[in-house]
Amino acid sequence: MAWMLSAYQTLGRKYRKGIKKLFIVHSGTWTRIVLEVAGRVVSPKFARKIKYTGTLSELAEHIPLTKVLPLDVRGG
């Protein structure tokens, strides 16, 4: 979880405000709970941008996997 906060803080304000959705794939229950609580305290607006998907197939329904996954992960 610390890496996610660090990554978020590394982005400039302009980029943080420009994020439309943040997809998290294969999240566990603990991850969801922590993100929900932290999101509501730190930035409720940002918390609303977080979307959870259980599989890469679900993610592919929203964005092309060729844009986010390296070739070896895609099975090529």
PDB file of N, CA and C in Angstrom:
ATOM      1  N   MET A   1       0.820  -1.191   0.000  1.00  0.00           N
ATOM      2  CA  MET A   1       0.000   0.000   0.000  1.00  0.00           C
ATOM      3  C   MET A   1       0.865   1.257   0.000  1.00  0.00           C
ATOM      4  N   ALA A   2       2.019   1.166   0.649  1.00  0.00           N
ATOM      5  CA  ALA A   2       2.905   2.333   0.702  1.00  0.00           C
ATOM      6  C   ALA A   2       3.379   2.729  -0.688  1.00  0.00           C
ATOM      7  N   TRP A   3       3.607   1.722  -1.549  1.00  0.00           N
ATOM      8  CA  TRP A   3       4.076   2.038  -2.897  1.00  0.00           C
ATOM      9  C   TRP A   3       3.022   2.816  -3.675  1.00  0.00           C
ATOM     10  N   MET A   4       1.743   2.511  -3.425  1.00  0.00           N
ATOM     11  CA  MET A   4       0.679   3.202  -4.143  1.00  0.00           C
ATOM     12  C   MET A   4       0.602   4.673  -3.708  1.00  0.00           C
ATOM     13  N   LEU A   5       0.718   4.905  -2.420  1.00  0.00           N
ATOM     14  CA  LEU A   5       0.714   6.280  -1.917  1.00  0.00           C
ATOM     15  C   LEU A   5       1.921   7.036  -2.442  1.00  0.00           C
ATOM     16  N   SER A   6       3.072   6.376  -2.444  1.00  0.00           N
ATOM     17  CA  SER A   6       4.290   6.997  -2.949  1.00  0.00           C
ATOM     18  C   SER A   6       4.150   7.342  -4.433  1.00  0.00           C
ATOM     19  N   ALA A   7       3.593   6.414  -5.207  1.00  0.00           N
ATOM     20  CA  ALA A   7       3.395   6.661  -6.635  1.00  0.00           C
ATOM     21  C   ALA A   7       2.426   7.823  -6.852  1.00  0.00           C
ATOM     22  N   TYR A   8       1.374   7.859  -6.068  1.00  0.00           N
ATOM     23  CA  TYR A   8       0.385   8.935  -6.182  1.00  0.00           C
ATOM     24  C   TYR A   8       1.022  10.287  -5.862  1.00  0.00           C
ATOM     25  N   GLN A   9       1.836  10.327  -4.815  1.00  0.00           N
ATOM     26  CA  GLN A   9       2.469  11.584  -4.410  1.00  0.00           C
ATOM     27  C   GLN A   9       3.556  12.021  -5.385  1.00  0.00           C
ATOM     28  N   THR A  10       4.151  11.060  -6.089  1.00  0.00           N
ATOM     29  CA  THR A  10       5.186  11.370  -7.066  1.00  0.00           C
ATOM     30  C   THR A  10       4.616  12.119  -8.259  1.00  0.00           C
ATOM     31  N   LEU A  11       3.391  11.801  -8.608  1.00  0.00           N
ATOM     32  CA  LEU A  11       2.743  12.495  -9.720  1.00  0.00           C
ATOM     33  C   LEU A  11       2.498  13.956  -9.353  1.00  0.00           C
ATOM     34  N   GLY A  12       2.689  14.815 -10.300  1.00  0.00           N
ATOM     35  CA  GLY A  12       2.387  16.219 -10.071  1.00  0.00           C
ATOM     36  C   GLY A  12       0.898  16.435  -9.914  1.00  0.00           C
ATOM     37  N   ARG A  13       0.522  17.551  -9.345  1.00  0.00           N
ATOM     38  CA  ARG A  13      -0.893  17.854  -9.116  1.00  0.00           C
ATOM     39  C   ARG A  13      -1.691  17.790 -10.410  1.00  0.00           C
ATOM     40  N   LYS A  14      -1.103  18.308 -11.479  1.00  0.00           N
ATOM     41  CA  LYS A  14      -1.764  18.321 -12.791  1.00  0.00           C
ATOM     42  C   LYS A  14      -2.140  16.902 -13.218  1.00  0.00           C
ATOM     43  N   TYR A  15      -1.245  15.947 -13.023  1.00  0.00           N
ATOM     44  CA  TYR A  15      -1.509  14.570 -13.431  1.00  0.00           C
ATOM     45  C   TYR A  15      -2.478  13.871 -12.484  1.00  0.00           C
ATOM     46  N   ARG A  16      -2.344  14.140 -11.190  1.00  0.00           N
ATOM     47  CA  ARG A  16      -3.274  13.528 -10.229  1.00  0.00           C
ATOM     48  C   ARG A  16      -4.698  13.962 -10.510  1.00  0.00           C
ATOM     49  N   LYS A  17      -4.873  15.207 -10.846  1.00  0.00           N
ATOM     50  CA  LYS A  17      -6.218  15.721 -11.117  1.00  0.00           C
ATOM     51  C   LYS A  17      -6.750  15.210 -12.448  1.00  0.00           C
ATOM     52  N   GLY A  18      -5.839  14.835 -13.366  1.00  0.00           N
ATOM     53  CA  GLY A  18      -6.255  14.378 -14.686  1.00  0.00           C
ATOM     54  C   GLY A  18      -6.613  12.900 -14.762  1.00  0.00           C
ATOM     55  N   ILE A  19      -6.347  12.143 -13.706  1.00  0.00           N
ATOM     56  CA  ILE A  19      -6.661  10.713 -13.721  1.00  0.00           C
ATOM     57  C   ILE A  19      -8.179  10.540 -13.762  1.00  0.00           C
ATOM     58  N   LYS A  20      -8.645   9.787 -14.745  1.00  0.00           N
ATOM     59  CA  LYS A  20     -10.084   9.544 -14.870  1.00  0.00           C
ATOM     60  C   LYS A  20     -10.500   8.314 -14.078  1.00  0.00           C
ATOM     61  N   LYS A  21      -9.715   7.223 -14.208  1.00  0.00           N
ATOM     62  CA  LYS A  21      -9.992   5.981 -13.484  1.00  0.00           C
ATOM     63  C   LYS A  21      -8.672   5.293 -13.189  1.00  0.00           C
ATOM     64  N   LEU A  22      -8.623   4.626 -12.059  1.00  0.00           N
ATOM     65  CA  LEU A  22      -7.482   3.804 -11.691  1.00  0.00           C
ATOM     66  C   LEU A  22      -8.009   2.396 -11.488  1.00  0.00           C
ATOM     67  N   PHE A  23      -7.610   1.492 -12.371  1.00  0.00           N
ATOM     68  CA  PHE A  23      -8.062   0.115 -12.282  1.00  0.00           C
ATOM     69  C   PHE A  23      -7.099  -0.700 -11.442  1.00  0.00           C
ATOM     70  N   ILE A  24      -7.639  -1.457 -10.504  1.00  0.00           N
ATOM     71  CA  ILE A  24      -6.847  -2.364  -9.686  1.00  0.00           C
ATOM     72  C   ILE A  24      -7.358  -3.767  -9.971  1.00  0.00           C
ATOM     73  N   VAL A  25      -6.442  -4.618 -10.435  1.00  0.00           N
ATOM     74  CA  VAL A  25      -6.802  -5.979 -10.838  1.00  0.00           C
ATOM     75  C   VAL A  25      -6.336  -6.959  -9.770  1.00  0.00           C
ATOM     76  N   HIS A  26      -7.140  -7.952  -9.487  1.00  0.00           N
ATOM     77  CA  HIS A  26      -6.824  -9.021  -8.533  1.00  0.00           C
ATOM     78  C   HIS A  26      -6.613  -8.498  -7.113  1.00  0.00           C
ATOM     79  N   SER A  27      -7.374  -7.549  -6.695  1.00  0.00           N
ATOM     80  CA  SER A  27      -7.190  -7.015  -5.343  1.00  0.00           C
ATOM     81  C   SER A  27      -7.821  -7.960  -4.321  1.00  0.00           C
ATOM     82  N   GLY A  28      -7.178  -8.026  -3.182  1.00  0.00           N
ATOM     83  CA  GLY A  28      -7.719  -8.828  -2.096  1.00  0.00           C
ATOM     84  C   GLY A  28      -8.653  -7.989  -1.238  1.00  0.00           C
ATOM     85  N   THR A  29      -9.314  -8.641  -0.333  1.00  0.00           N
ATOM     86  CA  THR A  29     -10.253  -7.941   0.552  1.00  0.00           C
ATOM     87  C   THR A  29      -9.544  -6.884   1.377  1.00  0.00           C
ATOM     88  N   TRP A  30      -8.377  -7.233   1.916  1.00  0.00           N
ATOM     89  CA  TRP A  30      -7.631  -6.297   2.757  1.00  0.00           C
ATOM     90  C   TRP A  30      -7.250  -5.046   1.967  1.00  0.00           C
ATOM     91  N   THR A  31      -6.813  -5.229   0.725  1.00  0.00           N
ATOM     92  CA  THR A  31      -6.451  -4.094  -0.129  1.00  0.00           C
ATOM     93  C   THR A  31      -7.648  -3.188  -0.340  1.00  0.00           C
ATOM     94  N   ARG A  32      -8.784  -3.765  -0.615  1.00  0.00           N
ATOM     95  CA  ARG A  32      -9.997  -2.957  -0.828  1.00  0.00           C
ATOM     96  C   ARG A  32     -10.379  -2.167   0.425  1.00  0.00           C
ATOM     97  N   ILE A  33     -10.304  -2.821   1.563  1.00  0.00           N
ATOM     98  CA  ILE A  33     -10.667  -2.148   2.814  1.00  0.00           C
ATOM     99  C   ILE A  33      -9.738  -0.976   3.076  1.00  0.00           C
ATOM    100  N   VAL A  34      -8.442  -1.214   2.956  1.00  0.00           N
ATOM    101  CA  VAL A  34      -7.460  -0.150   3.216  1.00  0.00           C
ATOM    102  C   VAL A  34      -7.651   1.006   2.249  1.00  0.00           C
ATOM    103  N   LEU A  35      -7.840   0.692   0.966  1.00  0.00           N
ATOM    104  CA  LEU A  35      -8.019   1.762  -0.016  1.00  0.00           C
ATOM    105  C   LEU A  35      -9.309   2.538   0.204  1.00  0.00           C
ATOM    106  N   GLU A  36     -10.353   1.846   0.592  1.00  0.00           N
ATOM    107  CA  GLU A  36     -11.623   2.537   0.856  1.00  0.00           C
ATOM    108  C   GLU A  36     -11.485   3.507   2.020  1.00  0.00           C
ATOM    109  N   VAL A  37     -10.892   3.047   3.111  1.00  0.00           N
ATOM    110  CA  VAL A  37     -10.740   3.897   4.299  1.00  0.00           C
ATOM    111  C   VAL A  37      -9.778   5.042   4.016  1.00  0.00           C
ATOM    112  N   ALA A  38      -8.610   4.711   3.460  1.00  0.00           N
ATOM    113  CA  ALA A  38      -7.611   5.748   3.179  1.00  0.00           C
ATOM    114  C   ALA A  38      -8.133   6.740   2.150  1.00  0.00           C
ATOM    115  N   GLY A  39      -8.835   6.238   1.158  1.00  0.00           N
ATOM    116  CA  GLY A  39      -9.357   7.117   0.119  1.00  0.00           C
ATOM    117  C   GLY A  39     -10.357   8.124   0.647  1.00  0.00           C
ATOM    118  N   ARG A  40     -11.162   7.701   1.568  1.00  0.00           N
ATOM    119  CA  ARG A  40     -12.171   8.610   2.128  1.00  0.00           C
ATOM    120  C   ARG A  40     -11.542   9.670   3.025  1.00  0.00           C
ATOM    121  N   VAL A  41     -10.433   9.334   3.638  1.00  0.00           N
ATOM    122  CA  VAL A  41      -9.758  10.292   4.523  1.00  0.00           C
ATOM    123  C   VAL A  41      -8.840  11.213   3.730  1.00  0.00           C
ATOM    124  N   VAL A  42      -8.018  10.631   2.851  1.00  0.00           N
ATOM    125  CA  VAL A  42      -7.012  11.406   2.121  1.00  0.00           C
ATOM    126  C   VAL A  42      -7.635  12.210   0.988  1.00  0.00           C
ATOM    127  N   SER A  43      -8.399  11.531   0.129  1.00  0.00           N
ATOM    128  CA  SER A  43      -8.990  12.209  -1.016  1.00  0.00           C
ATOM    129  C   SER A  43     -10.245  11.478  -1.474  1.00  0.00           C
ATOM    130  N   PRO A  44     -11.395  11.887  -0.988  1.00  0.00           N
ATOM    131  CA  PRO A  44     -12.640  11.234  -1.400  1.00  0.00           C
ATOM    132  C   PRO A  44     -12.866  11.270  -2.907  1.00  0.00           C
ATOM    133  N   LYS A  45     -12.468  12.351  -3.541  1.00  0.00           N
ATOM    134  CA  LYS A  45     -12.651  12.465  -4.983  1.00  0.00           C
ATOM    135  C   LYS A  45     -11.797  11.421  -5.706  1.00  0.00           C
ATOM    136  N   PHE A  46     -10.556  11.245  -5.255  1.00  0.00           N
ATOM    137  CA  PHE A  46      -9.690  10.245  -5.866  1.00  0.00           C
ATOM    138  C   PHE A  46     -10.214   8.840  -5.604  1.00  0.00           C
ATOM    139  N   ALA A  47     -10.754   8.605  -4.423  1.00  0.00           N
ATOM    140  CA  ALA A  47     -11.286   7.278  -4.073  1.00  0.00           C
ATOM    141  C   ALA A  47     -12.400   6.871  -5.032  1.00  0.00           C
ATOM    142  N   ARG A  48     -13.165   7.826  -5.506  1.00  0.00           N
ATOM    143  CA  ARG A  48     -14.241   7.515  -6.451  1.00  0.00           C
ATOM    144  C   ARG A  48     -13.710   7.084  -7.812  1.00  0.00           C
ATOM    145  N   LYS A  49     -12.452   7.400  -8.112  1.00  0.00           N
ATOM    146  CA  LYS A  49     -11.852   7.047  -9.397  1.00  0.00           C
ATOM    147  C   LYS A  49     -11.316   5.618  -9.414  1.00  0.00           C
ATOM    148  N   ILE A  50     -11.211   4.977  -8.264  1.00  0.00           N
ATOM    149  CA  ILE A  50     -10.672   3.626  -8.186  1.00  0.00           C
ATOM    150  C   ILE A  50     -11.746   2.624  -8.591  1.00  0.00           C
ATOM    151  N   LYS A  51     -11.396   1.770  -9.538  1.00  0.00           N
ATOM    152  CA  LYS A  51     -12.292   0.717 -10.024  1.00  0.00           C
ATOM    153  C   LYS A  51     -11.588  -0.618  -9.841  1.00  0.00           C
ATOM    154  N   TYR A  52     -12.308  -1.612  -9.361  1.00  0.00           N
ATOM    155  CA  TYR A  52     -11.730  -2.927  -9.114  1.00  0.00           C
ATOM    156  C   TYR A  52     -12.203  -3.905 -10.179  1.00  0.00           C
ATOM    157  N   THR A  53     -11.284  -4.709 -10.685  1.00  0.00           N
ATOM    158  CA  THR A  53     -11.630  -5.782 -11.602  1.00  0.00           C
ATOM    159  C   THR A  53     -10.989  -7.063 -11.092  1.00  0.00           C
ATOM    160  N   GLY A  54     -11.675  -8.155 -11.264  1.00  0.00           N
ATOM    161  CA  GLY A  54     -11.185  -9.431 -10.755  1.00  0.00           C
ATOM    162  C   GLY A  54     -10.233 -10.137 -11.697  1.00  0.00           C
ATOM    163  N   THR A  55     -10.374  -9.869 -12.999  1.00  0.00           N
ATOM    164  CA  THR A  55      -9.548 -10.560 -13.981  1.00  0.00           C
ATOM    165  C   THR A  55      -9.086  -9.591 -15.065  1.00  0.00           C
ATOM    166  N   LEU A  56      -8.088 -10.036 -15.814  1.00  0.00           N
ATOM    167  CA  LEU A  56      -7.633  -9.220 -16.941  1.00  0.00           C
ATOM    168  C   LEU A  56      -8.698  -9.142 -18.023  1.00  0.00           C
ATOM    169  N   SER A  57      -9.530 -10.157 -18.118  1.00  0.00           N
ATOM    170  CA  SER A  57     -10.628 -10.129 -19.094  1.00  0.00           C
ATOM    171  C   SER A  57     -11.594  -8.993 -18.775  1.00  0.00           C
ATOM    172  N   GLU A  58     -11.879  -8.795 -17.499  1.00  0.00           N
ATOM    173  CA  GLU A  58     -12.751  -7.683 -17.098  1.00  0.00           C
ATOM    174  C   GLU A  58     -12.081  -6.346 -17.411  1.00  0.00           C
ATOM    175  N   LEU A  59     -10.773  -6.272 -17.178  1.00  0.00           N
ATOM    176  CA  LEU A  59     -10.044  -5.043 -17.483  1.00  0.00           C
ATOM    177  C   LEU A  59     -10.102  -4.749 -18.979  1.00  0.00           C
ATOM    178  N   ALA A  60     -10.007  -5.805 -19.795  1.00  0.00           N
ATOM    179  CA  ALA A  60     -10.032  -5.650 -21.254  1.00  0.00           C
ATOM    180  C   ALA A  60     -11.363  -5.087 -21.754  1.00  0.00           C
ATOM    181  N   GLU A  61     -12.412  -5.217 -20.960  1.00  0.00           N
ATOM    182  CA  GLU A  61     -13.698  -4.642 -21.340  1.00  0.00           C
ATOM    183  C   GLU A  61     -13.672  -3.113 -21.275  1.00  0.00           C
ATOM    184  N   HIS A  62     -12.712  -2.573 -20.514  1.00  0.00           N
ATOM    185  CA  HIS A  62     -12.633  -1.120 -20.322  1.00  0.00           C
ATOM    186  C   HIS A  62     -11.514  -0.475 -21.138  1.00  0.00           C
ATOM    187  N   ILE A  63     -10.376  -1.160 -21.229  1.00  0.00           N
ATOM    188  CA  ILE A  63      -9.231  -0.614 -21.957  1.00  0.00           C
ATOM    189  C   ILE A  63      -8.505  -1.742 -22.694  1.00  0.00           C
ATOM    190  N   PRO A  64      -7.866  -1.440 -23.829  1.00  0.00           N
ATOM    191  CA  PRO A  64      -7.122  -2.475 -24.544  1.00  0.00           C
ATOM    192  C   PRO A  64      -5.894  -2.910 -23.730  1.00  0.00           C
ATOM    193  N   LEU A  65      -5.730  -4.198 -23.558  1.00  0.00           N
ATOM    194  CA  LEU A  65      -4.608  -4.700 -22.762  1.00  0.00           C
ATOM    195  C   LEU A  65      -3.267  -4.409 -23.409  1.00  0.00           C
ATOM    196  N   THR A  66      -3.250  -4.190 -24.701  1.00  0.00           N
ATOM    197  CA  THR A  66      -1.988  -3.871 -25.380  1.00  0.00           C
ATOM    198  C   THR A  66      -1.424  -2.534 -24.905  1.00  0.00           C
ATOM    199  N   LYS A  67      -2.263  -1.706 -24.307  1.00  0.00           N
ATOM    200  CA  LYS A  67      -1.825  -0.396 -23.814  1.00  0.00           C
ATOM    201  C   LYS A  67      -1.202  -0.464 -22.425  1.00  0.00           C
ATOM    202  N   VAL A  68      -1.478  -1.550 -21.676  1.00  0.00           N
ATOM    203  CA  VAL A  68      -1.041  -1.570 -20.278  1.00  0.00           C
ATOM    204  C   VAL A  68      -0.175  -2.749 -19.885  1.00  0.00           C
ATOM    205  N   LEU A  69      -0.150  -3.819 -20.683  1.00  0.00           N
ATOM    206  CA  LEU A  69       0.581  -5.009 -20.301  1.00  0.00           C
ATOM    207  C   LEU A  69       1.746  -5.288 -21.239  1.00  0.00           C
ATOM    208  N   PRO A  70       2.889  -5.694 -20.674  1.00  0.00           N
ATOM    209  CA  PRO A  70       3.998  -6.102 -21.541  1.00  0.00           C
ATOM    210  C   PRO A  70       3.637  -7.371 -22.298  1.00  0.00           C
ATOM    211  N   LEU A  71       4.304  -7.610 -23.401  1.00  0.00           N
ATOM    212  CA  LEU A  71       3.995  -8.736 -24.276  1.00  0.00           C
ATOM    213  C   LEU A  71       4.059 -10.079 -23.561  1.00  0.00           C
ATOM    214  N   ASP A  72       5.027 -10.286 -22.673  1.00  0.00           N
ATOM    215  CA  ASP A  72       5.156 -11.581 -22.008  1.00  0.00           C
ATOM    216  C   ASP A  72       3.988 -11.868 -21.066  1.00  0.00           C
ATOM    217  N   VAL A  73       3.363 -10.850 -20.516  1.00  0.00           N
ATOM    218  CA  VAL A  73       2.202 -11.036 -19.656  1.00  0.00           C
ATOM    219  C   VAL A  73       0.963 -11.361 -20.485  1.00  0.00           C
ATOM    220  N   ARG A  74       0.901 -10.765 -21.670  1.00  0.00           N
ATOM    221  CA  ARG A  74      -0.235 -11.000 -22.562  1.00  0.00           C
ATOM    222  C   ARG A  74      -0.184 -12.376 -23.213  1.00  0.00           C
ATOM    223  N   GLY A  75       0.937 -13.068 -23.077  1.00  0.00           N
ATOM    224  CA  GLY A  75       1.043 -14.409 -23.644  1.00  0.00           C
ATOM    225  C   GLY A  75       1.593 -14.412 -25.056  1.00  0.00           C
ATOM    226  N   GLY A  76       2.251 -13.317 -25.448  1.00  0.00           N
ATOM    227  CA  GLY A  76       2.771 -13.261 -26.816  1.00  0.00           C
ATOM    228  C   GLY A  76       4.227 -13.556 -26.908  1.00  0.00           C
TER     229      GLY A  76
END
